[in-house]
């Protein structure tokens, strides 16, 4: 069936898929078995600063053996709506997966993945485990009637080439927000994202927004503009705090 054209001009399909990827804690990873047949498995997810899905996989797992022969994969992510699961948005991503080998990339991956999945710390350092990123070629989004859309991979990437300062400052900025401005993080969640009270913490930051987490739930807070310098990043975080405080009154 051909995708149904977008009916609502306010609907941003690419942004919807990017949010689904950023907020998903797990996904269904499909690889190709030795006989060419499909094999799907449940995996934990995080994202890299450019929005690429990030996985921590064991070399002993069947899906890892499969991708060592054929790097083509599909990943299904969805908006969890308990009791009404099929009403939530979901996206099937197609692309290629690759093991990270650069030390700096691995360090970033480890930090961002463990912020989302602290339970993985016990085995992330095992010799048979490694971090993998998926380069998305396309996505098929199903987000309701009139909102079934195919999106090219380029539209799903967060540009980072001009934002070296933000990437370098991310770790310190996230730690600072959680340690010294935890009240602002709570206000972000409650009054800008509409969540209930919780123990929200910032677990990631990139040029387009930040990721907040409470327990196992993750919410994406988009900035109103891209930030490419540490100064711009600090300014937008202060602006968001002011907006959230005003909304709380």
Protein backbone atom coordinates (compact mmCIF):
# COMPACT_ATOMS: atom_id res chain seq x y z
CA UNK A 1 0.00 0.00 0.00
CA UNK A 2 1.32 3.43 -0.90
CA UNK A 3 1.78 5.87 1.98
CA UNK A 4 -1.20 8.15 2.56
CA UNK A 5 -0.29 11.79 1.89
CA UNK A 6 -0.04 14.11 4.86
CA UNK A 7 -3.37 15.78 5.57
CA UNK A 8 -2.32 18.20 8.29
CA UNK A 9 0.14 20.94 7.39
CA UNK A 10 1.14 21.22 11.06
CA UNK A 11 2.25 17.59 11.14
CA UNK A 12 6.03 17.20 10.92
CA UNK A 13 6.74 13.58 10.00
CA UNK A 14 10.52 13.79 10.32
CA UNK A 15 10.28 15.42 13.73
CA UNK A 16 7.85 12.72 14.86
CA UNK A 17 10.26 9.94 13.87
CA UNK A 18 13.20 11.72 15.50
CA UNK A 19 11.20 12.02 18.72
CA UNK A 20 10.26 8.34 18.63
CA UNK A 21 13.90 7.33 18.24
CA UNK A 22 15.09 9.71 20.98
CA UNK A 23 12.41 8.55 23.45
CA UNK A 24 12.50 4.79 22.81
CA UNK A 25 14.24 2.65 25.40
CA UNK A 26 13.80 -0.57 23.44
CA UNK A 27 13.12 -1.60 19.86
CA UNK A 28 12.64 -4.65 17.69
CA UNK A 29 15.80 -5.28 15.68
CA UNK A 30 15.41 -7.33 12.50
CA UNK A 31 18.46 -8.98 10.92
CA UNK A 32 18.91 -11.58 8.19
CA UNK A 33 19.60 -15.16 9.21
CA UNK A 34 22.16 -17.31 7.43
CA UNK A 35 19.43 -18.74 5.17
CA UNK A 36 18.26 -15.21 4.25
CA UNK A 37 15.16 -15.35 6.42
CA UNK A 38 14.23 -12.53 8.82
CA UNK A 39 15.01 -12.71 12.53
CA UNK A 40 13.70 -10.16 15.05
CA UNK A 41 14.87 -9.58 18.61
CA UNK A 42 14.26 -7.06 21.38
CA UNK A 43 17.18 -4.71 22.09
CA UNK A 44 17.87 -1.76 24.38
CA UNK A 45 18.32 1.60 22.67
CA UNK A 46 19.94 4.96 23.20
CA UNK A 47 20.97 7.59 20.68
CA UNK A 48 24.16 9.34 19.66
CA UNK A 49 24.24 13.16 19.45
CA UNK A 50 23.36 13.06 15.74
CA UNK A 51 20.27 10.98 16.48
CA UNK A 52 21.62 7.64 15.24
CA UNK A 53 20.21 4.67 17.18
CA UNK A 54 22.82 3.23 19.54
CA UNK A 55 22.89 -0.43 20.60
CA UNK A 56 25.03 -2.48 22.96
CA UNK A 57 25.25 -6.01 21.58
CA UNK A 58 26.91 -9.25 22.59
CA UNK A 59 29.03 -10.98 20.00
CA UNK A 60 27.41 -14.24 21.08
CA UNK A 61 23.88 -13.12 20.22
CA UNK A 62 22.17 -14.45 17.12
CA UNK A 63 21.44 -10.97 15.78
CA UNK A 64 25.12 -10.01 16.09
CA UNK A 65 26.18 -13.11 14.18
CA UNK A 66 23.64 -12.17 11.51
CA UNK A 67 24.81 -8.58 11.11
CA UNK A 68 28.42 -9.70 10.82
CA UNK A 69 27.37 -11.32 7.53
CA UNK A 70 24.95 -8.63 6.35
CA UNK A 71 24.87 -5.14 7.82
CA UNK A 72 21.34 -4.40 6.60
CA UNK A 73 18.89 -4.07 9.49
CA UNK A 74 15.44 -2.80 10.32
CA UNK A 75 14.48 -1.32 13.67
CA UNK A 76 10.92 -0.79 14.90
CA UNK A 77 10.33 1.91 17.52
CA UNK A 78 6.96 2.90 18.92
CA UNK A 79 5.11 5.29 21.16
CA UNK A 80 4.00 3.18 24.11
CA UNK A 81 0.32 3.68 24.94
CA UNK A 82 -0.66 1.09 27.50
CA UNK A 83 -4.08 -0.36 26.84
CA UNK A 84 -4.31 1.23 23.39
CA UNK A 85 -1.02 0.20 21.81
CA UNK A 86 -2.01 0.44 18.14
CA UNK A 87 -3.11 4.07 18.51
CA UNK A 88 0.43 5.22 19.20
CA UNK A 89 2.86 6.32 16.51
CA UNK A 90 5.45 3.83 15.31
CA UNK A 91 8.25 3.90 12.80
CA UNK A 92 10.10 1.17 10.96
CA UNK A 93 13.68 2.27 10.30
CA UNK A 94 15.83 0.77 7.56
CA UNK A 95 19.57 1.14 7.40
CA UNK A 96 22.96 -0.37 8.02
CA UNK A 97 24.60 -1.13 11.33
CA UNK A 98 28.30 -0.79 12.19
CA UNK A 99 30.39 -1.49 15.25
CA UNK A 100 32.07 1.57 16.77
CA UNK A 101 35.85 1.34 16.81
CA UNK A 102 37.09 4.89 17.48
CA UNK A 103 37.99 5.40 21.15
CA UNK A 104 36.33 8.81 21.40
CA UNK A 105 33.15 7.54 19.74
CA UNK A 106 33.06 4.54 22.08
CA UNK A 107 33.49 6.79 25.13
CA UNK A 108 30.58 8.98 24.01
CA UNK A 109 28.47 5.92 23.26
CA UNK A 110 29.20 4.33 26.61
CA UNK A 111 28.34 7.50 28.53
CA UNK A 112 25.09 8.13 26.67
CA UNK A 113 23.98 4.49 26.70
CA UNK A 114 24.62 3.97 30.42
CA UNK A 115 22.81 7.20 31.27
CA UNK A 116 19.72 5.60 29.73
CA UNK A 117 20.42 2.02 30.84
CA UNK A 118 22.45 2.06 34.06
CA UNK A 119 21.71 -1.66 34.50
CA UNK A 120 24.00 -2.31 31.52
CA UNK A 121 27.08 -1.10 33.43
CA UNK A 122 27.67 -4.60 34.75
CA UNK A 123 28.34 -6.06 31.33
CA UNK A 124 29.17 -3.09 29.07
CA UNK A 125 32.86 -3.67 29.65
CA UNK A 126 32.83 -7.39 28.83
CA UNK A 127 35.05 -8.31 25.91
CA UNK A 128 32.20 -9.86 23.93
CA UNK A 129 30.05 -6.69 24.10
CA UNK A 130 30.41 -3.72 21.76
CA UNK A 131 28.55 -0.57 20.78
CA UNK A 132 26.89 -0.32 17.39
CA UNK A 133 25.25 2.57 15.54
CA UNK A 134 22.59 2.36 12.88
CA UNK A 135 22.88 4.68 9.89
CA UNK A 136 19.26 5.25 8.91
CA UNK A 137 18.53 5.14 5.17
CA UNK A 138 14.76 5.64 5.47
CA UNK A 139 11.81 5.37 7.82
CA UNK A 140 8.18 4.34 7.41
CA UNK A 141 6.01 6.22 9.90
CA UNK A 142 2.50 5.23 10.92
CA UNK A 143 1.05 7.96 13.11
CA UNK A 144 -2.68 7.72 12.49
CA UNK A 145 -5.11 8.32 9.63
CA UNK A 146 -3.53 10.51 6.96
CA UNK A 147 -0.20 10.27 8.70
CA UNK A 148 1.49 7.32 7.02
CA UNK A 149 4.67 8.70 5.54
CA UNK A 150 8.02 7.54 4.15
CA UNK A 151 10.98 9.71 5.16
CA UNK A 152 14.51 9.73 3.78
CA UNK A 153 17.34 9.21 6.24
CA UNK A 154 18.93 12.62 5.65
CA UNK A 155 15.85 14.30 7.16
CA UNK A 156 16.29 12.25 10.36
CA UNK A 157 19.86 13.27 11.17
CA UNK A 158 20.81 16.00 13.60
CA UNK A 159 23.70 17.95 12.05
CA UNK A 160 26.69 18.10 14.41
CA UNK A 161 29.55 19.19 12.15
CA UNK A 162 29.22 22.82 13.20
CA UNK A 163 28.46 22.08 16.85
CA UNK A 164 31.75 20.81 18.24
CA UNK A 165 31.47 23.07 21.29
CA UNK A 166 28.08 21.60 22.19
CA UNK A 167 29.33 18.03 21.86
CA UNK A 168 32.40 18.80 23.96
CA UNK A 169 30.31 20.54 26.64
CA UNK A 170 27.51 17.97 26.78
CA UNK A 171 28.84 15.75 29.56
CA UNK A 172 29.60 18.67 31.87
CA UNK A 173 26.38 20.48 31.05
CA UNK A 174 24.23 17.43 31.78
CA UNK A 175 26.01 16.82 35.09
CA UNK A 176 25.68 20.50 36.03
CA UNK A 177 21.97 20.63 35.24
CA UNK A 178 21.26 17.53 37.31
CA UNK A 179 23.45 18.54 40.26
CA UNK A 180 22.77 22.27 40.46
CA UNK A 181 19.56 22.88 38.52
CA UNK A 182 17.50 19.81 39.21
CA UNK A 183 14.50 22.06 39.95
CA UNK A 184 14.70 23.46 36.41
CA UNK A 185 14.81 19.95 34.94
CA UNK A 186 11.63 19.07 36.88
CA UNK A 187 9.96 22.23 35.57
CA UNK A 188 11.00 21.39 32.00
CA UNK A 189 9.26 18.04 32.30
CA UNK A 190 6.12 19.15 34.10
CA UNK A 191 5.38 22.47 32.43
CA UNK A 192 6.99 22.26 28.99
CA UNK A 193 6.31 18.57 28.30
CA UNK A 194 3.20 18.15 30.41
CA UNK A 195 4.39 15.20 32.48
CA UNK A 196 3.32 14.47 36.01
CA UNK A 197 5.66 14.95 38.99
CA UNK A 198 8.67 12.68 39.02
CA UNK A 199 12.38 12.42 39.54
CA UNK A 200 13.40 13.74 36.15
CA UNK A 201 17.03 13.94 35.13
CA UNK A 202 18.71 15.12 31.97
CA UNK A 203 20.42 12.19 30.23
CA UNK A 204 21.48 13.72 26.91
CA UNK A 205 21.90 17.00 25.10
CA UNK A 206 22.55 17.83 21.45
CA UNK A 207 22.22 20.82 19.09
CA UNK A 208 18.46 20.34 18.68
CA UNK A 209 17.28 19.50 22.20
CA UNK A 210 17.72 17.44 25.33
CA UNK A 211 16.45 14.12 26.69
CA UNK A 212 14.86 13.83 30.14
CA UNK A 213 14.36 10.57 32.00
CA UNK A 214 12.33 9.45 35.00
CA UNK A 215 12.70 5.78 35.91
CA UNK A 216 12.54 4.07 32.53
CA UNK A 217 10.53 6.78 30.79
CA UNK A 218 12.29 9.20 28.45
CA UNK A 219 10.87 12.43 27.02
CA UNK A 220 12.35 14.65 24.34
CA UNK A 221 12.44 18.43 24.80
CA UNK A 222 13.21 20.18 21.52
CA UNK A 223 14.87 23.58 21.49
CA UNK A 224 13.22 26.36 19.52
CA UNK A 225 16.44 26.74 17.52
CA UNK A 226 19.66 24.85 16.83
CA UNK A 227 22.56 25.64 19.13
CA UNK A 228 26.13 25.31 17.95
CA UNK A 229 28.16 26.92 20.75
CA UNK A 230 28.37 26.35 24.48
CA UNK A 231 27.18 29.91 25.03
CA UNK A 232 24.07 29.34 22.90
CA UNK A 233 23.42 26.09 24.75
CA UNK A 234 23.52 27.80 28.15
CA UNK A 235 21.28 30.60 26.87
CA UNK A 236 18.57 28.29 25.56
CA UNK A 237 18.56 26.24 28.79
CA UNK A 238 18.05 29.44 30.80
CA UNK A 239 15.27 30.54 28.43
CA UNK A 240 13.52 27.21 28.84
CA UNK A 241 13.78 27.44 32.62
CA UNK A 242 12.21 30.91 32.54
CA UNK A 243 9.41 29.67 30.27
CA UNK A 244 8.74 26.72 32.57
CA UNK A 245 8.66 28.90 35.68
CA UNK A 246 6.25 31.30 34.00
CA UNK A 247 4.01 28.39 33.00
CA UNK A 248 4.05 27.08 36.56
CA UNK A 249 2.51 30.27 37.98
